[in-house]
Amino acid sequence: MTSLIASAQAATVYGTIYEWSDLETPLKNTIVEVNSTPSQYVVSTTGTYSFNLSPGNYLIKAKYYRNNILEYAVEDDIRIEKEGDFVHDLLLFPPTESEYEYLADLNLTGDLELKSESNLKYYIIVLALAALFILLWMKKKKNKPIEQGAEETIEIPPENIAKTKIKELPEDLRGIYELILKKGGRVTQKELRKEVKYGEAKVSLLIADLENRGLVKKIKKGRANIIIAEAQK
């Protein structure tokens, strides 16, 4: 009976796994585990994962190996408060030196190769580029001025929105941008998240990409983010 009650209260947590530099192609053959009781893990051959979890706090770990050497990894804390279906995408980054490890006896991608000096230099360069990318993105977001009251005064005439740029966007960016236009050129990030199939992490990155392209403006209002389509000159 206790087992049946626990099963009835379980939530399903699922999502897609991405490499930090490619948000369009799921990262296949990734090992995903969660510290439930008992612990659960899956080798994702499709780039997606799913776990059934009871309410509580958990740590999800994901690791991707190439030639039995750790290439990407991430650890995410999640909290389950109620039953239901929850999307939690995983974004993997190159490991730090302390995370550098071999796959050892669990052979998923081929024969074990020794970690050569050239491989170590490659991972150091990739890690440095990833850190630089994150720092520049955070600095640009932090330094961008926020105009008080701008969210109440901006009105975007539909005829001023450039149609030619939409065709040049990747499919996922185009879908998000067209949805913003359908909402009248103004929508909260929370409302936008409910309308798309992507997880919260990818929606945030897609909005940041649109903002860098000059197609939208993100304005902070309390705890909410308001996304506004930019008027084109």
Protein backbone atom coordinates (compact mmCIF):
# COMPACT_ATOMS: atom_id res chain seq x y z
CA MET A 1 0.00 0.00 0.00
CA THR A 2 2.86 2.41 0.84
CA SER A 3 4.41 1.66 -2.55
CA LEU A 4 1.14 2.44 -4.35
CA ILE A 5 0.76 5.78 -2.49
CA ALA A 6 4.34 6.81 -3.33
CA SER A 7 3.76 5.92 -6.99
CA ALA A 8 0.56 7.98 -7.11
CA GLN A 9 2.38 11.05 -5.75
CA ALA A 10 5.34 10.75 -8.14
CA ALA A 11 6.18 13.47 -10.65
CA THR A 12 7.69 12.91 -14.09
CA VAL A 13 10.76 15.05 -14.79
CA TYR A 14 11.97 14.98 -18.39
CA GLY A 15 13.88 17.10 -20.85
CA THR A 16 16.38 17.40 -23.68
CA ILE A 17 20.16 17.37 -23.33
CA TYR A 18 22.26 19.98 -25.18
CA GLU A 19 25.92 20.86 -25.58
CA TRP A 20 26.62 24.49 -24.58
CA SER A 21 27.57 25.57 -28.13
CA ASP A 22 24.68 23.81 -29.95
CA LEU A 23 21.15 24.45 -28.73
CA GLU A 24 19.45 22.85 -31.73
CA THR A 25 20.84 19.28 -31.77
CA PRO A 26 20.24 17.02 -28.75
CA LEU A 27 23.43 15.47 -27.32
CA LYS A 28 23.08 11.71 -27.71
CA ASN A 29 24.75 8.92 -25.69
CA THR A 30 24.79 10.99 -22.50
CA ILE A 31 24.71 9.33 -19.06
CA VAL A 32 22.08 10.97 -16.81
CA GLU A 33 21.56 10.04 -13.16
CA VAL A 34 19.55 11.34 -10.20
CA ASN A 35 20.14 10.69 -6.50
CA SER A 36 16.68 9.31 -5.78
CA THR A 37 16.10 6.31 -3.48
CA PRO A 38 16.96 4.01 -5.11
CA SER A 39 19.14 6.04 -7.49
CA GLN A 40 18.15 6.13 -11.18
CA TYR A 41 20.27 6.52 -14.27
CA VAL A 42 19.86 6.23 -18.01
CA VAL A 43 22.18 6.19 -21.04
CA SER A 44 20.32 8.54 -23.38
CA THR A 45 20.74 7.38 -26.97
CA THR A 46 18.23 9.97 -28.21
CA GLY A 47 19.40 13.07 -26.32
CA THR A 48 16.39 13.03 -23.97
CA TYR A 49 15.75 11.65 -20.47
CA SER A 50 12.89 11.00 -18.06
CA PHE A 51 12.68 10.15 -14.33
CA ASN A 52 9.78 9.47 -11.95
CA LEU A 53 10.44 11.28 -8.66
CA SER A 54 8.55 11.74 -5.40
CA PRO A 55 8.37 15.23 -3.82
CA GLY A 56 11.76 16.33 -2.48
CA ASN A 57 15.14 17.83 -3.43
CA TYR A 58 17.35 16.06 -5.97
CA LEU A 59 20.65 16.41 -7.83
CA ILE A 60 20.66 15.50 -11.51
CA LYS A 61 24.06 14.76 -13.05
CA ALA A 62 24.73 14.37 -16.77
CA LYS A 63 28.03 13.32 -18.38
CA TYR A 64 29.08 12.88 -21.99
CA TYR A 65 32.18 10.88 -22.91
CA ARG A 66 34.13 10.81 -26.18
CA ASN A 67 36.68 7.99 -26.56
CA ASN A 68 36.01 7.21 -22.89
CA ILE A 69 37.18 10.66 -21.76
CA LEU A 70 34.75 13.09 -20.10
CA GLU A 71 33.99 15.90 -22.58
CA TYR A 72 30.86 17.61 -21.19
CA ALA A 73 29.14 17.56 -17.80
CA VAL A 74 26.58 19.36 -15.64
CA GLU A 75 25.00 19.09 -12.18
CA ASP A 76 21.55 20.63 -11.57
CA ASP A 77 19.60 20.89 -8.32
CA ILE A 78 15.85 20.45 -8.69
CA ARG A 79 12.94 20.56 -6.22
CA ILE A 80 9.75 18.56 -6.68
CA GLU A 81 6.82 19.94 -4.69
CA LYS A 82 3.87 18.16 -6.28
CA GLU A 83 2.94 15.50 -8.78
CA GLY A 84 2.73 16.28 -12.50
CA ASP A 85 4.96 16.55 -15.58
CA PHE A 86 7.92 18.95 -15.45
CA VAL A 87 10.37 19.90 -18.21
CA HIS A 88 13.99 20.41 -17.16
CA ASP A 89 16.45 20.66 -20.05
CA LEU A 90 20.14 20.00 -19.37
CA LEU A 91 22.90 22.22 -20.78
CA LEU A 92 26.34 20.57 -20.64
CA PHE A 93 29.69 22.41 -20.49
CA PRO A 94 33.31 21.23 -20.75
CA PRO A 95 34.43 19.88 -17.36
CA THR A 96 36.76 21.69 -15.01
CA GLU A 97 40.11 20.08 -14.19
CA SER A 98 38.66 18.50 -11.04
CA GLU A 99 35.91 16.84 -13.10
CA TYR A 100 38.31 15.44 -15.68
CA GLU A 101 37.97 11.66 -15.63
CA TYR A 102 37.95 8.49 -17.66
CA LEU A 103 34.94 6.30 -18.26
CA ALA A 104 37.05 3.36 -17.01
CA ASP A 105 35.47 -0.06 -17.54
CA LEU A 106 32.11 1.19 -18.83
CA ASN A 107 32.82 1.30 -22.58
CA LEU A 108 30.19 3.25 -24.55
CA THR A 109 32.10 4.95 -27.36
CA GLY A 110 35.14 2.80 -28.14
CA ASP A 111 38.50 1.68 -26.77
CA LEU A 112 40.08 3.67 -23.96
CA GLU A 113 42.69 6.13 -25.16
CA LEU A 114 45.34 7.68 -22.99
CA LYS A 115 44.94 11.37 -22.21
CA SER A 116 47.68 12.94 -24.30
CA GLU A 117 49.13 16.41 -23.90
CA SER A 118 47.39 17.57 -27.08
CA ASN A 119 43.99 16.44 -25.76
CA LEU A 120 44.58 18.29 -22.49
CA LYS A 121 45.46 21.49 -24.37
CA TYR A 122 42.29 21.11 -26.45
CA TYR A 123 40.06 20.88 -23.39
CA ILE A 124 41.79 23.83 -21.73
CA ILE A 125 41.17 25.96 -24.83
CA VAL A 126 37.51 24.88 -25.05
CA LEU A 127 36.99 25.58 -21.35
CA ALA A 128 38.57 29.03 -21.67
CA LEU A 129 36.35 29.88 -24.67
CA ALA A 130 33.25 28.69 -22.81
CA ALA A 131 34.14 30.82 -19.78
CA LEU A 132 34.78 33.85 -22.00
CA PHE A 133 31.46 33.35 -23.80
CA ILE A 134 29.55 33.23 -20.48
CA LEU A 135 31.38 36.27 -19.02
CA LEU A 136 30.73 38.41 -22.11
CA TRP A 137 27.06 37.43 -22.18
CA MET A 138 26.61 38.19 -18.45
CA LYS A 139 28.48 41.52 -18.76
CA LYS A 140 26.35 42.63 -21.69
CA LYS A 141 23.17 41.69 -19.83
CA LYS A 142 24.32 43.46 -16.66
CA ASN A 143 25.43 46.69 -18.36
CA LYS A 144 22.36 47.10 -20.55
CA PRO A 145 20.37 50.10 -19.16
CA ILE A 146 16.76 49.61 -18.10
CA GLU A 147 14.47 52.55 -18.75
CA GLN A 148 11.97 53.03 -15.95
CA GLY A 149 8.40 52.96 -17.20
CA ALA A 150 9.44 51.95 -20.71
CA GLU A 151 7.22 48.88 -20.52
CA GLU A 152 4.14 51.10 -20.21
CA THR A 153 4.92 53.42 -23.12
CA ILE A 154 6.35 51.30 -25.95
CA GLU A 155 3.93 50.52 -28.75
CA ILE A 156 5.16 48.70 -31.85
CA PRO A 157 3.26 49.40 -35.08
CA PRO A 158 2.98 46.03 -36.90
CA GLU A 159 3.98 47.57 -40.23
CA ASN A 160 7.35 48.65 -38.79
CA ILE A 161 8.48 45.14 -37.87
CA ALA A 162 10.98 43.80 -40.42
CA LYS A 163 9.65 40.72 -42.15
CA THR A 164 12.85 39.95 -44.05
CA LYS A 165 14.85 39.17 -40.89
CA ILE A 166 12.36 36.52 -39.78
CA LYS A 167 13.13 34.34 -42.80
CA GLU A 168 16.85 34.42 -41.99
CA LEU A 169 16.41 33.10 -38.43
CA PRO A 170 16.95 29.45 -37.41
CA GLU A 171 13.71 27.53 -36.96
CA ASP A 172 13.62 27.67 -33.14
CA LEU A 173 14.37 31.43 -33.04
CA ARG A 174 11.83 32.12 -35.79
CA GLY A 175 9.14 30.20 -33.90
CA ILE A 176 9.74 32.17 -30.68
CA TYR A 177 9.84 35.52 -32.52
CA GLU A 178 6.65 34.84 -34.50
CA LEU A 179 4.89 33.84 -31.27
CA ILE A 180 5.90 37.18 -29.70
CA LEU A 181 4.43 38.99 -32.72
CA LYS A 182 1.20 36.99 -32.45
CA LYS A 183 0.92 38.18 -28.86
CA GLY A 184 0.90 41.78 -30.12
CA GLY A 185 4.66 42.24 -29.86
CA ARG A 186 4.57 42.12 -26.05
CA VAL A 187 4.50 39.08 -23.71
CA THR A 188 5.95 37.99 -20.38
CA GLN A 189 8.65 35.32 -20.45
CA LYS A 190 6.47 33.11 -18.23
CA GLU A 191 3.56 33.30 -20.70
CA LEU A 192 5.93 32.62 -23.58
CA ARG A 193 7.36 29.57 -21.81
CA LYS A 194 3.85 28.04 -21.52
CA GLU A 195 3.33 28.30 -25.29
CA VAL A 196 6.47 26.48 -26.47
CA LYS A 197 7.87 22.96 -26.15
CA TYR A 198 11.30 24.06 -24.89
CA GLY A 199 12.51 24.06 -21.29
CA GLU A 200 13.15 27.21 -19.27
CA ALA A 201 16.92 27.18 -19.91
CA LYS A 202 16.59 27.08 -23.69
CA VAL A 203 13.83 29.72 -23.76
CA SER A 204 16.11 32.11 -21.83
CA LEU A 205 18.98 31.50 -24.27
CA LEU A 206 16.72 31.94 -27.32
CA ILE A 207 15.42 35.26 -25.96
CA ALA A 208 19.01 36.39 -25.30
CA ASP A 209 19.89 35.50 -28.91
CA LEU A 210 16.91 37.49 -30.27
CA GLU A 211 17.92 40.41 -28.04
CA ASN A 212 21.48 40.33 -29.39
CA ARG A 213 20.07 40.41 -32.93
CA GLY A 214 18.11 43.55 -32.08
CA LEU A 215 14.72 41.90 -32.61
CA VAL A 216 13.41 42.04 -29.03
CA LYS A 217 14.00 43.91 -25.78
CA LYS A 218 13.77 42.24 -22.37
CA ILE A 219 12.60 44.49 -19.52
CA LYS A 220 12.68 43.47 -15.86
CA LYS A 221 9.46 44.24 -13.95
CA GLY A 222 9.47 42.88 -10.42
CA ARG A 223 10.21 39.17 -10.69
CA ALA A 224 8.87 38.95 -14.23
CA ASN A 225 10.58 39.58 -17.56
CA ILE A 226 8.58 41.36 -20.27
CA ILE A 227 9.64 40.58 -23.84
CA ILE A 228 8.89 43.34 -26.37
CA ALA A 229 9.43 43.14 -30.13
CA GLU A 230 11.74 45.94 -31.24
CA ALA A 231 10.57 48.43 -33.86
CA GLN A 232 12.83 48.40 -36.93
CA LYS A 233 13.99 51.65 -38.55
